[in-house]
Amino acid sequence: SPRTKLIILCSPGNPTGGVLTSQDLDAVADVARESGAYVLSDEIYSSLIFDGQHDTILLREGMPERCVLLDGCSKAFAMTGWRLGFGLFPKELVEPARNLAINSWTCIPPFVAAGAITALDTPKEEL
């Protein structure tokens, strides 16, 4: 619809583990570009695919400018209670997202930061 401002994706999805295909992502990207809608892509389970490889809508032409990607350390590194996530935003959305975050969260606990640094610095085969 011309009134659509945001398309929300969650792939892989929980609890089913359903994964959007490359063709699905291509189709969503086409719709987003044609309608001018942004895409919010929750990819927190991207490292937990056991059949095939993760694909992201962010890699489609024109999508970095209209896609917010959400991910984090919680699922990938078994830090589920620590709630450490991050987002990648188009340049024009960075300031509004920062303004929202600065009034919602203060900082992460030092042990969570240290755990994330260790997890991100450790080769995947050693985790």
Foldseek 3Di string as FASTA:
>chain_A
DLPAAEAEEEACDPPVRDGDDPVNLVVVLVVCVVSVHAYEYEDQCQQVDDPDHHDDNCPDPPRLQRYKYKYACCPVPVVVVQPGIDIRHHPVCPVVVCVVDVVPDPDGDPVSVVVVVVVVPDPPVVD
